[in-house]
Amino acid sequence: MTAAGLEPNSREAPVVASVGTDLSWDNGSRHNVTVPEPLPVLYVLLPVVYSVICAVGLVGNTAVIYVILRAPKMKSVTHVFLLNLAIADELFALVLPVSVAEHLLQGWPFGEPLCKVVLAIDHCNIFSSAYFLAVLSLDRYLVVLASAQSRRTPWRTVRAAKVASLCVWLGVTIMVLPFLSFARVYSNELQVTSCGLSFPRPERAWFKASRIYTLVLGFAVPMGTLGVLYGDLLRRLRALHLPSGAKALDRARRKGTVLVLAVLAVGLLCWTPFHLASVVALTTDLPQTPLVIGISYGITGLSYASSCLNPFLYAFLDTSFRRNFHASFRCP
């Protein structure tokens, strides 16, 4: 997809969208930046892949939301956070067809209000995924530590989880506001309309600042915090001399820990290449070869896939979810 501004629509191709040697600048005008046209195979392949991700994400996350809201036994702290993560992924899946349509039409015919909505939801998904993974892991850190020390957790309630989730959504909304203000529909020299982030001068500096902003707040801070927490957990567990009755977590908590770690691992697998590509975009000028373009779109597709993978983890690892899923959709 041709990007006439500094940032293309959504999170498309993080390396291709970088300010590299194949980009042309004319007196800093934001409308004179060009990138190579996508490969013919990508024109066909990307809509197919994105459509599959959209369909699977909508069906899977809708099922997760329905089951958690409907089943009384799913009203736990962990499931409150998983519900909010599913809502974030569902919102992204809902707007993904618009990005597919823009790719097929090679232009943006939907107007500026929808452009702002799509870009806001896309960046909201980037931040909310990271922070709900962080909150899930923080909760599991506290539970494991309390269990290892044979302490009760009266503060760990569904109400507290709902308040924490609300705080995450408020924080994510504030983080997304700058992108919402810069979202524009603009035309290139061929009068082809595009939806993207249109920055003031100097555009190159604003472009790099936006990438650093997303990298730091959307990845480095939450994932760095998790690294510190789990490192501290391992240190504490090694230092503890546990009585025989407290050397293992009870079965439910142990399974909950496995589920959260699996969700975290998949989230890191899907998002780490995307953010590493941003580092590459900030530090190097890669030639826009077919290989680089293909890898960049592959990395984007992997980040998109994160929105549809979690329901499969719940189905495989969460016995309670499987039981309630069958009960919710079983024919009378």
C-alpha atoms as a PDB file:
ATOM      1  CA  MET A   1       0.000   0.000   0.000  1.00  0.00           C
ATOM      2  CA  THR A   2       1.400   3.354  -0.974  1.00  0.00           C
ATOM      3  CA  ALA A   3       1.909   5.643   1.987  1.00  0.00           C
ATOM      4  CA  ALA A   4       1.706   9.308   1.099  1.00  0.00           C
ATOM      5  CA  GLY A   5       2.341  10.427   4.659  1.00  0.00           C
ATOM      6  CA  LEU A   6       4.823   9.553   7.305  1.00  0.00           C
ATOM      7  CA  GLU A   7       2.812   6.715   8.771  1.00  0.00           C
ATOM      8  CA  PRO A   8       0.590   4.508   6.602  1.00  0.00           C
ATOM      9  CA  ASN A   9      -2.844   3.331   7.634  1.00  0.00           C
ATOM     10  CA  SER A  10      -2.895   1.126  10.709  1.00  0.00           C
ATOM     11  CA  ARG A  11       0.337  -0.692  11.617  1.00  0.00           C
ATOM     12  CA  GLU A  12       1.079  -1.701   7.992  1.00  0.00           C
ATOM     13  CA  ALA A  13       4.571  -3.001   7.220  1.00  0.00           C
ATOM     14  CA  PRO A  14       6.733  -1.410   9.946  1.00  0.00           C
ATOM     15  CA  VAL A  15       9.995  -1.592   7.973  1.00  0.00           C
ATOM     16  CA  VAL A  16       8.514  -0.555   4.629  1.00  0.00           C
ATOM     17  CA  ALA A  17       6.931   2.419   6.328  1.00  0.00           C
ATOM     18  CA  SER A  18      10.246   3.613   7.680  1.00  0.00           C
ATOM     19  CA  VAL A  19      12.105   6.662   6.489  1.00  0.00           C
ATOM     20  CA  GLY A  20      14.634   4.845   4.376  1.00  0.00           C
ATOM     21  CA  THR A  21      16.782   5.326   1.348  1.00  0.00           C
ATOM     22  CA  ASP A  22      13.954   4.593  -1.062  1.00  0.00           C
ATOM     23  CA  LEU A  23      11.727   7.293   0.346  1.00  0.00           C
ATOM     24  CA  SER A  24      11.728  10.660  -1.357  1.00  0.00           C
ATOM     25  CA  TRP A  25      11.349  13.976   0.418  1.00  0.00           C
ATOM     26  CA  ASP A  26      10.575  17.356  -1.110  1.00  0.00           C
ATOM     27  CA  ASN A  27      11.165  20.250   1.262  1.00  0.00           C
ATOM     28  CA  GLY A  28       9.660  18.259   4.094  1.00  0.00           C
ATOM     29  CA  SER A  29       6.200  18.101   2.534  1.00  0.00           C
ATOM     30  CA  ARG A  30       4.247  15.265   4.082  1.00  0.00           C
ATOM     31  CA  HIS A  31       2.504  14.553   0.788  1.00  0.00           C
ATOM     32  CA  ASN A  32       5.652  13.920  -1.234  1.00  0.00           C
ATOM     33  CA  VAL A  33       6.829  10.780   0.524  1.00  0.00           C
ATOM     34  CA  THR A  34       6.610   7.611  -1.549  1.00  0.00           C
ATOM     35  CA  VAL A  35       7.322   3.986  -0.885  1.00  0.00           C
ATOM     36  CA  PRO A  36       7.538   1.082  -3.323  1.00  0.00           C
ATOM     37  CA  GLU A  37       4.280  -0.414  -4.554  1.00  0.00           C
ATOM     38  CA  PRO A  38       3.453  -3.782  -2.955  1.00  0.00           C
ATOM     39  CA  LEU A  39       4.418  -6.931  -4.794  1.00  0.00           C
ATOM     40  CA  PRO A  40       1.642  -8.390  -6.993  1.00  0.00           C
ATOM     41  CA  VAL A  41       1.464 -11.520  -4.854  1.00  0.00           C
ATOM     42  CA  LEU A  42       0.937  -9.377  -1.755  1.00  0.00           C
ATOM     43  CA  TYR A  43      -2.004  -7.631  -3.396  1.00  0.00           C
ATOM     44  CA  VAL A  44      -3.774 -11.005  -3.535  1.00  0.00           C
ATOM     45  CA  LEU A  45      -2.318 -12.698  -0.455  1.00  0.00           C
ATOM     46  CA  LEU A  46      -2.734  -9.940   2.141  1.00  0.00           C
ATOM     47  CA  PRO A  47      -6.539  -9.562   1.798  1.00  0.00           C
ATOM     48  CA  VAL A  48      -6.925 -13.344   2.076  1.00  0.00           C
ATOM     49  CA  VAL A  49      -4.742 -13.599   5.192  1.00  0.00           C
ATOM     50  CA  TYR A  50      -6.288 -10.535   6.819  1.00  0.00           C
ATOM     51  CA  SER A  51      -9.816 -11.785   6.057  1.00  0.00           C
ATOM     52  CA  VAL A  52      -9.069 -15.145   7.687  1.00  0.00           C
ATOM     53  CA  ILE A  53      -7.621 -13.383  10.759  1.00  0.00           C
ATOM     54  CA  CYS A  54     -10.691 -11.146  10.888  1.00  0.00           C
ATOM     55  CA  ALA A  55     -13.182 -14.032  10.626  1.00  0.00           C
ATOM     56  CA  VAL A  56     -11.400 -16.211  13.176  1.00  0.00           C
ATOM     57  CA  GLY A  57     -10.892 -13.246  15.515  1.00  0.00           C
ATOM     58  CA  LEU A  58     -14.544 -12.199  15.388  1.00  0.00           C
ATOM     59  CA  VAL A  59     -15.892 -15.714  15.945  1.00  0.00           C
ATOM     60  CA  GLY A  60     -13.344 -16.671  18.619  1.00  0.00           C
ATOM     61  CA  ASN A  61     -13.444 -13.473  20.660  1.00  0.00           C
ATOM     62  CA  THR A  62     -17.232 -13.222  20.410  1.00  0.00           C
ATOM     63  CA  ALA A  63     -17.443 -16.736  21.843  1.00  0.00           C
ATOM     64  CA  VAL A  64     -15.013 -15.828  24.654  1.00  0.00           C
ATOM     65  CA  ILE A  65     -16.957 -12.681  25.564  1.00  0.00           C
ATOM     66  CA  TYR A  66     -20.278 -14.534  25.484  1.00  0.00           C
ATOM     67  CA  VAL A  67     -19.093 -17.458  27.602  1.00  0.00           C
ATOM     68  CA  ILE A  68     -17.385 -15.310  30.252  1.00  0.00           C
ATOM     69  CA  LEU A  69     -20.375 -12.979  30.566  1.00  0.00           C
ATOM     70  CA  ARG A  70     -22.941 -15.792  30.602  1.00  0.00           C
ATOM     71  CA  ALA A  71     -21.338 -18.410  32.840  1.00  0.00           C
ATOM     72  CA  PRO A  72     -21.444 -17.651  36.592  1.00  0.00           C
ATOM     73  CA  LYS A  73     -18.375 -19.819  37.231  1.00  0.00           C
ATOM     74  CA  MET A  74     -16.300 -17.662  34.882  1.00  0.00           C
ATOM     75  CA  LYS A  75     -16.547 -14.637  37.190  1.00  0.00           C
ATOM     76  CA  SER A  76     -12.964 -14.808  38.433  1.00  0.00           C
ATOM     77  CA  VAL A  77     -10.204 -12.209  38.533  1.00  0.00           C
ATOM     78  CA  THR A  78      -8.251 -13.897  35.744  1.00  0.00           C
ATOM     79  CA  HIS A  79     -11.324 -14.133  33.528  1.00  0.00           C
ATOM     80  CA  VAL A  80     -12.125 -10.441  34.033  1.00  0.00           C
ATOM     81  CA  PHE A  81      -8.737  -9.569  32.541  1.00  0.00           C
ATOM     82  CA  LEU A  82      -9.137 -12.168  29.778  1.00  0.00           C
ATOM     83  CA  LEU A  83     -12.552 -10.682  28.983  1.00  0.00           C
ATOM     84  CA  ASN A  84     -11.065  -7.230  28.528  1.00  0.00           C
ATOM     85  CA  LEU A  85      -8.274  -8.634  26.370  1.00  0.00           C
ATOM     86  CA  ALA A  86     -10.916 -10.328  24.210  1.00  0.00           C
ATOM     87  CA  ILE A  87     -12.841  -7.049  23.914  1.00  0.00           C
ATOM     88  CA  ALA A  88      -9.690  -5.261  22.717  1.00  0.00           C
ATOM     89  CA  ASP A  89      -9.074  -7.987  20.118  1.00  0.00           C
ATOM     90  CA  GLU A  90     -12.742  -7.946  19.065  1.00  0.00           C
ATOM     91  CA  LEU A  91     -12.645  -4.199  18.421  1.00  0.00           C
ATOM     92  CA  PHE A  92      -9.599  -4.597  16.218  1.00  0.00           C
ATOM     93  CA  ALA A  93     -11.180  -7.474  14.293  1.00  0.00           C
ATOM     94  CA  LEU A  94     -14.247  -5.311  13.649  1.00  0.00           C
ATOM     95  CA  VAL A  95     -12.241  -2.602  11.856  1.00  0.00           C
ATOM     96  CA  LEU A  96      -9.847  -4.935  10.026  1.00  0.00           C
ATOM     97  CA  PRO A  97     -12.242  -5.281   7.023  1.00  0.00           C
ATOM     98  CA  VAL A  98     -11.885  -1.539   6.430  1.00  0.00           C
ATOM     99  CA  SER A  99      -8.120  -1.948   6.082  1.00  0.00           C
ATOM    100  CA  VAL A 100      -8.669  -4.881   3.707  1.00  0.00           C
ATOM    101  CA  ALA A 101     -11.004  -2.743   1.586  1.00  0.00           C
ATOM    102  CA  GLU A 102      -8.461   0.096   1.468  1.00  0.00           C
ATOM    103  CA  HIS A 103      -5.799  -2.352   0.331  1.00  0.00           C
ATOM    104  CA  LEU A 104      -8.002  -3.737  -2.460  1.00  0.00           C
ATOM    105  CA  LEU A 105      -9.208  -0.323  -3.603  1.00  0.00           C
ATOM    106  CA  GLN A 106      -5.697   1.171  -3.340  1.00  0.00           C
ATOM    107  CA  GLY A 107      -7.226   4.225  -1.734  1.00  0.00           C
ATOM    108  CA  TRP A 108      -9.338   5.465   1.160  1.00  0.00           C
ATOM    109  CA  PRO A 109     -12.962   6.209   0.180  1.00  0.00           C
ATOM    110  CA  PHE A 110     -14.455   6.204   3.683  1.00  0.00           C
ATOM    111  CA  GLY A 111     -13.874   9.773   4.844  1.00  0.00           C
ATOM    112  CA  GLU A 112     -11.838  11.261   7.675  1.00  0.00           C
ATOM    113  CA  PRO A 113     -14.086  10.384  10.671  1.00  0.00           C
ATOM    114  CA  LEU A 114     -13.805   6.652   9.965  1.00  0.00           C
ATOM    115  CA  CYS A 115     -10.076   7.102   9.322  1.00  0.00           C
ATOM    116  CA  LYS A 116      -9.666   8.503  12.820  1.00  0.00           C
ATOM    117  CA  VAL A 117     -11.746   5.693  14.319  1.00  0.00           C
ATOM    118  CA  VAL A 118      -9.770   2.952  12.547  1.00  0.00           C
ATOM    119  CA  LEU A 119      -6.375   4.392  13.467  1.00  0.00           C
ATOM    120  CA  ALA A 120      -7.470   4.986  17.057  1.00  0.00           C
ATOM    121  CA  ILE A 121      -8.741   1.401  17.478  1.00  0.00           C
ATOM    122  CA  ASP A 122      -5.621  -0.004  15.821  1.00  0.00           C
ATOM    123  CA  HIS A 123      -3.279   1.831  18.200  1.00  0.00           C
ATOM    124  CA  CYS A 124      -5.631   1.072  21.086  1.00  0.00           C
ATOM    125  CA  ASN A 125      -5.154  -2.626  20.299  1.00  0.00           C
ATOM    126  CA  ILE A 126      -1.366  -2.226  20.323  1.00  0.00           C
ATOM    127  CA  PHE A 127      -1.371  -0.620  23.779  1.00  0.00           C
ATOM    128  CA  SER A 128      -4.254  -2.526  25.380  1.00  0.00           C
ATOM    129  CA  SER A 129      -2.820  -5.926  24.369  1.00  0.00           C
ATOM    130  CA  ALA A 130       0.460  -5.102  26.076  1.00  0.00           C
ATOM    131  CA  TYR A 131      -1.071  -3.698  29.248  1.00  0.00           C
ATOM    132  CA  PHE A 132      -3.701  -6.384  29.768  1.00  0.00           C
ATOM    133  CA  LEU A 133      -0.958  -8.983  29.333  1.00  0.00           C
ATOM    134  CA  ALA A 134       1.018  -7.022  31.933  1.00  0.00           C
ATOM    135  CA  VAL A 135      -1.926  -6.857  34.360  1.00  0.00           C
ATOM    136  CA  LEU A 136      -2.614 -10.578  33.913  1.00  0.00           C
ATOM    137  CA  SER A 137       1.003 -11.381  34.635  1.00  0.00           C
ATOM    138  CA  LEU A 138       1.164  -9.003  37.616  1.00  0.00           C
ATOM    139  CA  ASP A 139      -1.898 -10.670  39.112  1.00  0.00           C
ATOM    140  CA  ARG A 140      -0.358 -14.111  38.586  1.00  0.00           C
ATOM    141  CA  TYR A 141       2.930 -12.907  40.129  1.00  0.00           C
ATOM    142  CA  LEU A 142       1.113 -11.796  43.269  1.00  0.00           C
ATOM    143  CA  VAL A 143      -0.927 -15.010  43.462  1.00  0.00           C
ATOM    144  CA  VAL A 144       2.094 -17.281  43.074  1.00  0.00           C
ATOM    145  CA  LEU A 145       4.081 -15.306  45.619  1.00  0.00           C
ATOM    146  CA  ALA A 146       1.212 -15.286  48.132  1.00  0.00           C
ATOM    147  CA  SER A 147       0.655 -19.023  47.680  1.00  0.00           C
ATOM    148  CA  ALA A 148       4.347 -19.780  48.112  1.00  0.00           C
ATOM    149  CA  GLN A 149       4.374 -17.778  51.348  1.00  0.00           C
ATOM    150  CA  SER A 150       1.061 -19.318  52.505  1.00  0.00           C
ATOM    151  CA  ARG A 151      -0.596 -15.908  52.651  1.00  0.00           C
ATOM    152  CA  ARG A 152      -4.217 -15.085  51.876  1.00  0.00           C
ATOM    153  CA  THR A 153      -5.150 -12.561  49.171  1.00  0.00           C
ATOM    154  CA  PRO A 154      -8.294 -10.745  50.399  1.00  0.00           C
ATOM    155  CA  TRP A 155      -7.525  -7.824  48.087  1.00  0.00           C
ATOM    156  CA  ARG A 156      -7.835 -10.051  45.023  1.00  0.00           C
ATOM    157  CA  THR A 157     -11.506  -9.649  44.123  1.00  0.00           C
ATOM    158  CA  VAL A 158     -13.534  -9.399  40.939  1.00  0.00           C
ATOM    159  CA  ARG A 159     -14.417  -5.825  41.855  1.00  0.00           C
ATOM    160  CA  ALA A 160     -10.728  -4.908  42.138  1.00  0.00           C
ATOM    161  CA  ALA A 161     -10.080  -6.558  38.777  1.00  0.00           C
ATOM    162  CA  LYS A 162     -12.836  -4.484  37.174  1.00  0.00           C
ATOM    163  CA  VAL A 163     -11.377  -1.287  38.635  1.00  0.00           C
ATOM    164  CA  ALA A 164      -7.906  -2.242  37.387  1.00  0.00           C
ATOM    165  CA  SER A 165      -9.324  -2.963  33.915  1.00  0.00           C
ATOM    166  CA  LEU A 166     -11.060   0.411  33.850  1.00  0.00           C
ATOM    167  CA  CYS A 167      -7.763   2.086  34.759  1.00  0.00           C
ATOM    168  CA  VAL A 168      -6.037   0.263  31.897  1.00  0.00           C
ATOM    169  CA  TRP A 169      -8.683   1.435  29.408  1.00  0.00           C
ATOM    170  CA  LEU A 170      -8.401   5.036  30.652  1.00  0.00           C
ATOM    171  CA  GLY A 171      -4.610   4.918  30.369  1.00  0.00           C
ATOM    172  CA  VAL A 172      -4.758   3.407  26.882  1.00  0.00           C
ATOM    173  CA  THR A 173      -7.256   6.073  25.769  1.00  0.00           C
ATOM    174  CA  ILE A 174      -4.870   8.803  26.892  1.00  0.00           C
ATOM    175  CA  MET A 175      -1.966   7.116  25.064  1.00  0.00           C
ATOM    176  CA  VAL A 176      -3.980   6.927  21.830  1.00  0.00           C
ATOM    177  CA  LEU A 177      -5.085  10.589  21.826  1.00  0.00           C
ATOM    178  CA  PRO A 178      -1.941  11.879  20.024  1.00  0.00           C
ATOM    179  CA  PHE A 179      -2.513   9.432  17.149  1.00  0.00           C
ATOM    180  CA  LEU A 180      -6.160  10.432  16.964  1.00  0.00           C
ATOM    181  CA  SER A 181      -5.195  14.095  16.603  1.00  0.00           C
ATOM    182  CA  PHE A 182      -2.744  13.377  13.744  1.00  0.00           C
ATOM    183  CA  ALA A 183      -5.019  11.000  11.809  1.00  0.00           C
ATOM    184  CA  ARG A 184      -5.858  12.472   8.406  1.00  0.00           C
ATOM    185  CA  VAL A 185      -7.083  11.594   4.934  1.00  0.00           C
ATOM    186  CA  TYR A 186      -4.726  13.069   2.353  1.00  0.00           C
ATOM    187  CA  SER A 187      -3.919  12.699  -1.358  1.00  0.00           C
ATOM    188  CA  ASN A 188      -0.589  12.014  -3.040  1.00  0.00           C
ATOM    189  CA  GLU A 189       0.686  13.465  -6.299  1.00  0.00           C
ATOM    190  CA  LEU A 190      -1.590  11.049  -8.225  1.00  0.00           C
ATOM    191  CA  GLN A 191      -4.613  12.213  -6.212  1.00  0.00           C
ATOM    192  CA  VAL A 192      -4.931   8.814  -4.526  1.00  0.00           C
ATOM    193  CA  THR A 193      -6.421   9.226  -1.064  1.00  0.00           C
ATOM    194  CA  SER A 194      -4.852   7.501   1.931  1.00  0.00           C
ATOM    195  CA  CYS A 195      -5.582   7.298   5.635  1.00  0.00           C
ATOM    196  CA  GLY A 196      -2.604   7.783   7.907  1.00  0.00           C
ATOM    197  CA  LEU A 197      -0.797   9.973  10.394  1.00  0.00           C
ATOM    198  CA  SER A 198      -0.026  13.389   8.969  1.00  0.00           C
ATOM    199  CA  PHE A 199       2.654  15.126  11.008  1.00  0.00           C
ATOM    200  CA  PRO A 200       3.737  18.790  11.090  1.00  0.00           C
ATOM    201  CA  ARG A 201       7.258  19.846  10.158  1.00  0.00           C
ATOM    202  CA  PRO A 202       9.856  18.500  10.655  1.00  0.00           C
ATOM    203  CA  GLU A 203       8.041  15.320   9.583  1.00  0.00           C
ATOM    204  CA  ARG A 204      11.064  13.032   9.895  1.00  0.00           C
ATOM    205  CA  ALA A 205      11.514  13.961  13.561  1.00  0.00           C
ATOM    206  CA  TRP A 206       7.790  13.506  14.267  1.00  0.00           C
ATOM    207  CA  PHE A 207       7.858  10.149  12.489  1.00  0.00           C
ATOM    208  CA  LYS A 208      10.706   8.896  14.678  1.00  0.00           C
ATOM    209  CA  ALA A 209       9.081  10.334  17.794  1.00  0.00           C
ATOM    210  CA  SER A 210       5.856   8.436  17.060  1.00  0.00           C
ATOM    211  CA  ARG A 211       7.776   5.175  16.634  1.00  0.00           C
ATOM    212  CA  ILE A 212       9.729   5.725  19.859  1.00  0.00           C
ATOM    213  CA  TYR A 213       6.501   6.636  21.678  1.00  0.00           C
ATOM    214  CA  THR A 214       4.810   3.400  20.586  1.00  0.00           C
ATOM    215  CA  LEU A 215       7.917   1.309  21.233  1.00  0.00           C
ATOM    216  CA  VAL A 216       8.469   2.632  24.758  1.00  0.00           C
ATOM    217  CA  LEU A 217       4.877   2.850  26.024  1.00  0.00           C
ATOM    218  CA  GLY A 218       3.498  -0.074  24.025  1.00  0.00           C
ATOM    219  CA  PHE A 219       6.281  -2.580  24.596  1.00  0.00           C
ATOM    220  CA  ALA A 220       9.364  -1.584  26.596  1.00  0.00           C
ATOM    221  CA  VAL A 221       7.523  -0.348  29.704  1.00  0.00           C
ATOM    222  CA  PRO A 222       4.976  -3.185  30.142  1.00  0.00           C
ATOM    223  CA  MET A 223       7.286  -6.002  29.041  1.00  0.00           C
ATOM    224  CA  GLY A 224      10.278  -4.598  30.917  1.00  0.00           C
ATOM    225  CA  THR A 225       8.120  -4.463  34.043  1.00  0.00           C
ATOM    226  CA  LEU A 226       7.158  -8.110  33.535  1.00  0.00           C
ATOM    227  CA  GLY A 227      10.796  -9.088  33.233  1.00  0.00           C
ATOM    228  CA  VAL A 228      11.586  -7.390  36.545  1.00  0.00           C
ATOM    229  CA  LEU A 229       8.570  -8.984  38.250  1.00  0.00           C
ATOM    230  CA  TYR A 230       9.329 -12.518  37.136  1.00  0.00           C
ATOM    231  CA  GLY A 231      13.012 -12.103  37.923  1.00  0.00           C
ATOM    232  CA  ASP A 232      12.054 -10.974  41.426  1.00  0.00           C
ATOM    233  CA  LEU A 233       9.611 -13.893  41.732  1.00  0.00           C
ATOM    234  CA  LEU A 234      12.301 -16.429  40.892  1.00  0.00           C
ATOM    235  CA  ARG A 235      14.678 -14.808  43.381  1.00  0.00           C
ATOM    236  CA  ARG A 236      12.076 -14.860  46.144  1.00  0.00           C
ATOM    237  CA  LEU A 237      11.030 -18.459  45.493  1.00  0.00           C
ATOM    238  CA  ARG A 238      14.632 -19.638  45.614  1.00  0.00           C
ATOM    239  CA  ALA A 239      15.164 -17.841  48.923  1.00  0.00           C
ATOM    240  CA  LEU A 240      12.055 -19.303  50.551  1.00  0.00           C
ATOM    241  CA  HIS A 241      12.209 -22.414  52.740  1.00  0.00           C
ATOM    242  CA  LEU A 242       8.719 -23.715  52.254  1.00  0.00           C
ATOM    243  CA  PRO A 243       6.969 -26.259  54.491  1.00  0.00           C
ATOM    244  CA  SER A 244       6.021 -29.456  52.716  1.00  0.00           C
ATOM    245  CA  GLY A 245       2.385 -28.474  52.452  1.00  0.00           C
ATOM    246  CA  ALA A 246       3.177 -25.211  50.649  1.00  0.00           C
ATOM    247  CA  LYS A 247       5.707 -26.377  48.105  1.00  0.00           C
ATOM    248  CA  ALA A 248       3.157 -26.660  45.346  1.00  0.00           C
ATOM    249  CA  LEU A 249       0.310 -24.438  44.329  1.00  0.00           C
ATOM    250  CA  ASP A 250      -3.165 -25.918  44.433  1.00  0.00           C
ATOM    251  CA  ARG A 251      -4.394 -27.380  41.154  1.00  0.00           C
ATOM    252  CA  ALA A 252      -6.633 -24.505  40.063  1.00  0.00           C
ATOM    253  CA  ARG A 253      -3.978 -21.853  40.652  1.00  0.00           C
ATOM    254  CA  ARG A 254      -1.349 -23.932  38.918  1.00  0.00           C
ATOM    255  CA  LYS A 255      -3.551 -24.286  35.845  1.00  0.00           C
ATOM    256  CA  GLY A 256      -4.328 -20.577  35.945  1.00  0.00           C
ATOM    257  CA  THR A 257      -0.613 -19.833  35.958  1.00  0.00           C
ATOM    258  CA  VAL A 258      -0.044 -22.083  32.934  1.00  0.00           C
ATOM    259  CA  LEU A 259      -2.862 -20.314  31.053  1.00  0.00           C
ATOM    260  CA  VAL A 260      -1.531 -16.826  31.803  1.00  0.00           C
ATOM    261  CA  LEU A 261       2.032 -17.804  30.869  1.00  0.00           C
ATOM    262  CA  ALA A 262       0.774 -19.283  27.590  1.00  0.00           C
ATOM    263  CA  VAL A 263      -1.169 -16.102  26.757  1.00  0.00           C
ATOM    264  CA  LEU A 264       1.904 -14.040  27.627  1.00  0.00           C
ATOM    265  CA  ALA A 265       4.180 -16.230  25.489  1.00  0.00           C
ATOM    266  CA  VAL A 266       1.899 -15.975  22.451  1.00  0.00           C
ATOM    267  CA  GLY A 267       1.584 -12.220  22.947  1.00  0.00           C
ATOM    268  CA  LEU A 268       5.366 -11.840  23.026  1.00  0.00           C
ATOM    269  CA  LEU A 269       5.748 -14.090  19.980  1.00  0.00           C
ATOM    270  CA  CYS A 270       3.307 -11.979  17.966  1.00  0.00           C
ATOM    271  CA  TRP A 271       4.369  -8.519  19.118  1.00  0.00           C
ATOM    272  CA  THR A 272       8.139  -8.723  19.624  1.00  0.00           C
ATOM    273  CA  PRO A 273       8.996  -8.905  15.874  1.00  0.00           C
ATOM    274  CA  PHE A 274       6.740  -5.897  15.213  1.00  0.00           C
ATOM    275  CA  HIS A 275       8.492  -3.747  17.802  1.00  0.00           C
ATOM    276  CA  LEU A 276      11.934  -4.993  16.789  1.00  0.00           C
ATOM    277  CA  ALA A 277      11.056  -3.929  13.239  1.00  0.00           C
ATOM    278  CA  SER A 278      10.326  -0.465  14.620  1.00  0.00           C
ATOM    279  CA  VAL A 279      13.824  -0.420  16.104  1.00  0.00           C
ATOM    280  CA  VAL A 280      15.201  -1.350  12.680  1.00  0.00           C
ATOM    281  CA  ALA A 281      13.123   1.406  11.080  1.00  0.00           C
ATOM    282  CA  LEU A 282      14.558   3.927  13.532  1.00  0.00           C
ATOM    283  CA  THR A 283      18.204   2.901  13.291  1.00  0.00           C
ATOM    284  CA  THR A 284      18.824   1.706   9.725  1.00  0.00           C
ATOM    285  CA  ASP A 285      17.942   2.506   6.142  1.00  0.00           C
ATOM    286  CA  LEU A 286      17.051  -0.841   4.617  1.00  0.00           C
ATOM    287  CA  PRO A 287      16.801  -1.128   0.828  1.00  0.00           C
ATOM    288  CA  GLN A 288      13.179  -1.725  -0.127  1.00  0.00           C
ATOM    289  CA  THR A 289      13.770  -5.078  -1.822  1.00  0.00           C
ATOM    290  CA  PRO A 290      10.997  -7.646  -2.375  1.00  0.00           C
ATOM    291  CA  LEU A 291      12.422  -9.712   0.493  1.00  0.00           C
ATOM    292  CA  VAL A 292      12.362  -6.776   2.930  1.00  0.00           C
ATOM    293  CA  ILE A 293       8.839  -5.820   1.866  1.00  0.00           C
ATOM    294  CA  GLY A 294       7.607  -9.400   2.226  1.00  0.00           C
ATOM    295  CA  ILE A 295       9.176  -9.831   5.669  1.00  0.00           C
ATOM    296  CA  SER A 296       7.737  -6.527   6.816  1.00  0.00           C
ATOM    297  CA  TYR A 297       4.201  -7.444   5.797  1.00  0.00           C
ATOM    298  CA  GLY A 298       4.688 -10.865   7.383  1.00  0.00           C
ATOM    299  CA  ILE A 299       5.612  -9.203  10.677  1.00  0.00           C
ATOM    300  CA  THR A 300       2.483  -7.064  10.433  1.00  0.00           C
ATOM    301  CA  GLY A 301       0.349 -10.131   9.774  1.00  0.00           C
ATOM    302  CA  LEU A 302       1.844 -11.811  12.834  1.00  0.00           C
ATOM    303  CA  SER A 303       0.842  -8.862  15.020  1.00  0.00           C
ATOM    304  CA  TYR A 304      -2.657  -9.026  13.497  1.00  0.00           C
ATOM    305  CA  ALA A 305      -2.823 -12.747  14.292  1.00  0.00           C
ATOM    306  CA  SER A 306      -2.467 -12.027  18.009  1.00  0.00           C
ATOM    307  CA  SER A 307      -6.111 -10.884  17.991  1.00  0.00           C
ATOM    308  CA  CYS A 308      -7.401 -14.361  17.098  1.00  0.00           C
ATOM    309  CA  LEU A 309      -5.040 -16.790  18.864  1.00  0.00           C
ATOM    310  CA  ASN A 310      -6.038 -16.344  22.507  1.00  0.00           C
ATOM    311  CA  PRO A 311      -9.451 -18.092  22.207  1.00  0.00           C
ATOM    312  CA  PHE A 312      -7.619 -21.245  21.105  1.00  0.00           C
ATOM    313  CA  LEU A 313      -5.411 -21.059  24.184  1.00  0.00           C
ATOM    314  CA  TYR A 314      -8.477 -20.872  26.423  1.00  0.00           C
ATOM    315  CA  ALA A 315     -10.028 -23.852  24.621  1.00  0.00           C
ATOM    316  CA  PHE A 316      -6.903 -25.994  25.063  1.00  0.00           C
ATOM    317  CA  LEU A 317      -5.717 -24.887  28.510  1.00  0.00           C
ATOM    318  CA  ASP A 318      -8.764 -23.695  30.460  1.00  0.00           C
ATOM    319  CA  THR A 319     -10.958 -26.607  31.542  1.00  0.00           C
ATOM    320  CA  SER A 320     -13.540 -24.242  33.025  1.00  0.00           C
ATOM    321  CA  PHE A 321     -13.794 -22.331  29.749  1.00  0.00           C
ATOM    322  CA  ARG A 322     -14.217 -25.545  27.727  1.00  0.00           C
ATOM    323  CA  ARG A 323     -16.926 -26.798  30.064  1.00  0.00           C
ATOM    324  CA  ASN A 324     -18.854 -23.537  29.992  1.00  0.00           C
ATOM    325  CA  PHE A 325     -18.368 -23.175  26.241  1.00  0.00           C
ATOM    326  CA  HIS A 326     -19.985 -26.563  25.632  1.00  0.00           C
ATOM    327  CA  ALA A 327     -22.775 -25.701  28.068  1.00  0.00           C
ATOM    328  CA  SER A 328     -23.415 -22.341  26.380  1.00  0.00           C
ATOM    329  CA  PHE A 329     -23.575 -23.652  22.817  1.00  0.00           C
ATOM    330  CA  ARG A 330     -25.008 -27.121  23.424  1.00  0.00           C
ATOM    331  CA  CYS A 331     -28.274 -27.783  21.621  1.00  0.00           C
ATOM    332  CA  PRO A 332     -31.166 -28.431  24.028  1.00  0.00           C
END
